Amino acid sequence: MSKFIAEEIALDIIRAVRDLLATIRQFDPELADQAGRAATSLALNVAEGARRQGKDRPHLFRVAAGSAAELRIALRVALAWGYLDDGALARPLELLDRQLAILWRLCHPISSGGRASRAPR
């Protein structure tokens, strides 16, 4: 059975932030909870979107991208508050950037002209 790379990256993100969320929880339990819910939402929406057809599919990938962006800013907020250091965020932020790029492509497929559709301005 082949693996859906966006789903695998979502799980890698959870593994990468698991210990960080425990650290954040010591200082700000609400931020840790929100970040954890965002990570879970990311994985669940990617998996659900992979199985959907039609307009549901890109909608779920957009929701997943929103959750990825929420998790990314939650980690950056924790950094700004001094709960985490830069080195701890390198791998999670790299994975989130990769995931966001994949989700953008899933939401903006190549058009018949060979170019991805543009984001609205």
C-alpha atoms as a PDB file:
ATOM      1  CA  MET A   1       0.000   0.000   0.000  1.00  0.00           C
ATOM      2  CA  SER A   2       1.407   3.406  -0.961  1.00  0.00           C
ATOM      3  CA  LYS A   3       1.656   6.174   1.597  1.00  0.00           C
ATOM      4  CA  PHE A   4       0.234   9.665   1.220  1.00  0.00           C
ATOM      5  CA  ILE A   5       3.274  11.870   1.883  1.00  0.00           C
ATOM      6  CA  ALA A   6       1.230  14.752   3.354  1.00  0.00           C
ATOM      7  CA  GLU A   7      -0.219  12.356   5.922  1.00  0.00           C
ATOM      8  CA  GLU A   8       3.232  11.018   6.825  1.00  0.00           C
ATOM      9  CA  ILE A   9       4.593  14.559   7.241  1.00  0.00           C
ATOM     10  CA  ALA A  10       1.638  15.455   9.476  1.00  0.00           C
ATOM     11  CA  LEU A  11       2.557  12.542  11.745  1.00  0.00           C
ATOM     12  CA  ASP A  12       6.229  13.582  11.665  1.00  0.00           C
ATOM     13  CA  ILE A  13       5.150  17.061  12.764  1.00  0.00           C
ATOM     14  CA  ILE A  14       3.268  15.612  15.740  1.00  0.00           C
ATOM     15  CA  ARG A  15       6.326  13.590  16.742  1.00  0.00           C
ATOM     16  CA  ALA A  16       8.532  16.690  16.336  1.00  0.00           C
ATOM     17  CA  VAL A  17       6.356  18.906  18.562  1.00  0.00           C
ATOM     18  CA  ARG A  18       5.273  16.360  21.188  1.00  0.00           C
ATOM     19  CA  ASP A  19       8.087  17.161  23.645  1.00  0.00           C
ATOM     20  CA  LEU A  20       7.958  20.874  22.808  1.00  0.00           C
ATOM     21  CA  LEU A  21       4.285  20.993  23.757  1.00  0.00           C
ATOM     22  CA  ALA A  22       5.116  19.384  27.095  1.00  0.00           C
ATOM     23  CA  THR A  23       7.637  22.176  27.706  1.00  0.00           C
ATOM     24  CA  ILE A  24       5.175  24.876  26.635  1.00  0.00           C
ATOM     25  CA  ARG A  25       2.517  23.324  28.927  1.00  0.00           C
ATOM     26  CA  GLN A  26       4.738  24.082  31.949  1.00  0.00           C
ATOM     27  CA  PHE A  27       4.486  27.806  31.173  1.00  0.00           C
ATOM     28  CA  ASP A  28       1.206  28.184  29.273  1.00  0.00           C
ATOM     29  CA  PRO A  29      -1.198  25.212  29.311  1.00  0.00           C
ATOM     30  CA  GLU A  30      -3.707  26.987  27.051  1.00  0.00           C
ATOM     31  CA  LEU A  31      -1.122  27.653  24.344  1.00  0.00           C
ATOM     32  CA  ALA A  32       0.063  24.040  24.528  1.00  0.00           C
ATOM     33  CA  ASP A  33      -3.528  22.800  24.251  1.00  0.00           C
ATOM     34  CA  GLN A  34      -4.282  25.007  21.257  1.00  0.00           C
ATOM     35  CA  ALA A  35      -1.052  23.985  19.519  1.00  0.00           C
ATOM     36  CA  GLY A  36      -1.811  20.323  20.162  1.00  0.00           C
ATOM     37  CA  ARG A  37      -5.324  20.687  18.745  1.00  0.00           C
ATOM     38  CA  ALA A  38      -3.868  22.404  15.663  1.00  0.00           C
ATOM     39  CA  ALA A  39      -1.402  19.540  15.118  1.00  0.00           C
ATOM     40  CA  THR A  40      -4.190  16.979  15.468  1.00  0.00           C
ATOM     41  CA  SER A  41      -6.487  18.941  13.160  1.00  0.00           C
ATOM     42  CA  LEU A  42      -3.711  19.124  10.569  1.00  0.00           C
ATOM     43  CA  ALA A  43      -3.290  15.347  10.498  1.00  0.00           C
ATOM     44  CA  LEU A  44      -6.999  14.545  10.572  1.00  0.00           C
ATOM     45  CA  ASN A  45      -7.922  16.978   7.789  1.00  0.00           C
ATOM     46  CA  VAL A  46      -5.070  15.791   5.563  1.00  0.00           C
ATOM     47  CA  ALA A  47      -6.218  12.186   5.969  1.00  0.00           C
ATOM     48  CA  GLU A  48      -9.871  13.042   5.394  1.00  0.00           C
ATOM     49  CA  GLY A  49      -9.054  15.198   2.366  1.00  0.00           C
ATOM     50  CA  ALA A  50      -7.099  12.339   0.829  1.00  0.00           C
ATOM     51  CA  ARG A  51     -10.281  10.256   0.756  1.00  0.00           C
ATOM     52  CA  ARG A  52     -12.690  12.922  -0.461  1.00  0.00           C
ATOM     53  CA  GLN A  53     -13.719  13.901  -3.963  1.00  0.00           C
ATOM     54  CA  GLY A  54     -14.867  17.141  -5.556  1.00  0.00           C
ATOM     55  CA  LYS A  55     -15.007  20.436  -3.669  1.00  0.00           C
ATOM     56  CA  ASP A  56     -14.666  18.764  -0.252  1.00  0.00           C
ATOM     57  CA  ARG A  57     -11.111  17.735  -1.024  1.00  0.00           C
ATOM     58  CA  PRO A  58      -9.472  21.162  -1.462  1.00  0.00           C
ATOM     59  CA  HIS A  59     -11.581  22.571   1.381  1.00  0.00           C
ATOM     60  CA  LEU A  60     -10.160  19.999   3.802  1.00  0.00           C
ATOM     61  CA  PHE A  61      -6.625  20.668   2.567  1.00  0.00           C
ATOM     62  CA  ARG A  62      -7.210  24.414   3.153  1.00  0.00           C
ATOM     63  CA  VAL A  63      -8.400  23.661   6.694  1.00  0.00           C
ATOM     64  CA  ALA A  64      -5.284  21.521   7.211  1.00  0.00           C
ATOM     65  CA  ALA A  65      -3.121  24.409   5.960  1.00  0.00           C
ATOM     66  CA  GLY A  66      -4.850  26.747   8.403  1.00  0.00           C
ATOM     67  CA  SER A  67      -4.073  24.334  11.224  1.00  0.00           C
ATOM     68  CA  ALA A  68      -0.437  24.095  10.104  1.00  0.00           C
ATOM     69  CA  ALA A  69      -0.184  27.892  10.099  1.00  0.00           C
ATOM     70  CA  GLU A  70      -1.788  28.014  13.551  1.00  0.00           C
ATOM     71  CA  LEU A  71       0.700  25.486  14.910  1.00  0.00           C
ATOM     72  CA  ARG A  72       3.603  27.370  13.342  1.00  0.00           C
ATOM     73  CA  ILE A  73       2.612  30.663  14.966  1.00  0.00           C
ATOM     74  CA  ALA A  74       1.933  28.942  18.301  1.00  0.00           C
ATOM     75  CA  LEU A  75       5.515  27.661  18.264  1.00  0.00           C
ATOM     76  CA  ARG A  76       6.803  31.113  17.334  1.00  0.00           C
ATOM     77  CA  VAL A  77       4.733  32.665  20.143  1.00  0.00           C
ATOM     78  CA  ALA A  78       6.294  30.190  22.587  1.00  0.00           C
ATOM     79  CA  LEU A  79       9.704  31.236  21.278  1.00  0.00           C
ATOM     80  CA  ALA A  80       8.835  34.927  21.673  1.00  0.00           C
ATOM     81  CA  TRP A  81       7.746  34.317  25.280  1.00  0.00           C
ATOM     82  CA  GLY A  82      11.004  32.467  25.963  1.00  0.00           C
ATOM     83  CA  TYR A  83       9.419  29.060  26.568  1.00  0.00           C
ATOM     84  CA  LEU A  84      11.494  27.509  23.756  1.00  0.00           C
ATOM     85  CA  ASP A  85      14.776  28.293  22.025  1.00  0.00           C
ATOM     86  CA  ASP A  86      15.524  28.668  18.317  1.00  0.00           C
ATOM     87  CA  GLY A  87      17.297  25.331  18.063  1.00  0.00           C
ATOM     88  CA  ALA A  88      14.249  23.446  19.305  1.00  0.00           C
ATOM     89  CA  LEU A  89      12.111  24.887  16.514  1.00  0.00           C
ATOM     90  CA  ALA A  90      14.335  24.174  13.523  1.00  0.00           C
ATOM     91  CA  ARG A  91      12.968  20.715  12.645  1.00  0.00           C
ATOM     92  CA  PRO A  92       9.276  21.388  13.398  1.00  0.00           C
ATOM     93  CA  LEU A  93       9.312  24.623  11.371  1.00  0.00           C
ATOM     94  CA  GLU A  94      11.079  22.877   8.486  1.00  0.00           C
ATOM     95  CA  LEU A  95       8.407  20.160   8.472  1.00  0.00           C
ATOM     96  CA  LEU A  96       5.604  22.728   8.695  1.00  0.00           C
ATOM     97  CA  ASP A  97       7.019  24.695   5.759  1.00  0.00           C
ATOM     98  CA  ARG A  98       7.238  21.502   3.705  1.00  0.00           C
ATOM     99  CA  GLN A  99       3.690  20.538   4.667  1.00  0.00           C
ATOM    100  CA  LEU A 100       2.341  23.978   3.783  1.00  0.00           C
ATOM    101  CA  ALA A 101       4.018  23.807   0.366  1.00  0.00           C
ATOM    102  CA  ILE A 102       2.454  20.404  -0.305  1.00  0.00           C
ATOM    103  CA  LEU A 103      -0.964  21.581   0.846  1.00  0.00           C
ATOM    104  CA  TRP A 104      -0.729  24.680  -1.346  1.00  0.00           C
ATOM    105  CA  ARG A 105      -0.085  22.452  -4.362  1.00  0.00           C
ATOM    106  CA  LEU A 106      -2.992  20.183  -3.405  1.00  0.00           C
ATOM    107  CA  CYS A 107      -5.270  23.235  -3.260  1.00  0.00           C
ATOM    108  CA  HIS A 108      -3.853  24.796  -6.451  1.00  0.00           C
ATOM    109  CA  PRO A 109      -3.389  22.012  -9.001  1.00  0.00           C
ATOM    110  CA  ILE A 110      -1.607  22.583 -12.289  1.00  0.00           C
ATOM    111  CA  SER A 111      -3.981  24.161 -14.790  1.00  0.00           C
ATOM    112  CA  SER A 112      -4.215  23.054 -18.407  1.00  0.00           C
ATOM    113  CA  GLY A 113      -1.696  25.798 -19.278  1.00  0.00           C
ATOM    114  CA  GLY A 114       0.966  24.095 -17.159  1.00  0.00           C
ATOM    115  CA  ARG A 115       0.936  26.680 -14.351  1.00  0.00           C
ATOM    116  CA  ALA A 116      -0.488  26.484 -10.896  1.00  0.00           C
ATOM    117  CA  SER A 117      -3.495  28.664 -10.315  1.00  0.00           C
ATOM    118  CA  ARG A 118      -2.659  31.842  -8.451  1.00  0.00           C
ATOM    119  CA  ALA A 119      -3.743  32.658  -4.950  1.00  0.00           C
ATOM    120  CA  PRO A 120      -6.371  35.410  -4.783  1.00  0.00           C
ATOM    121  CA  ARG A 121      -5.000  38.878  -4.103  1.00  0.00           C
END
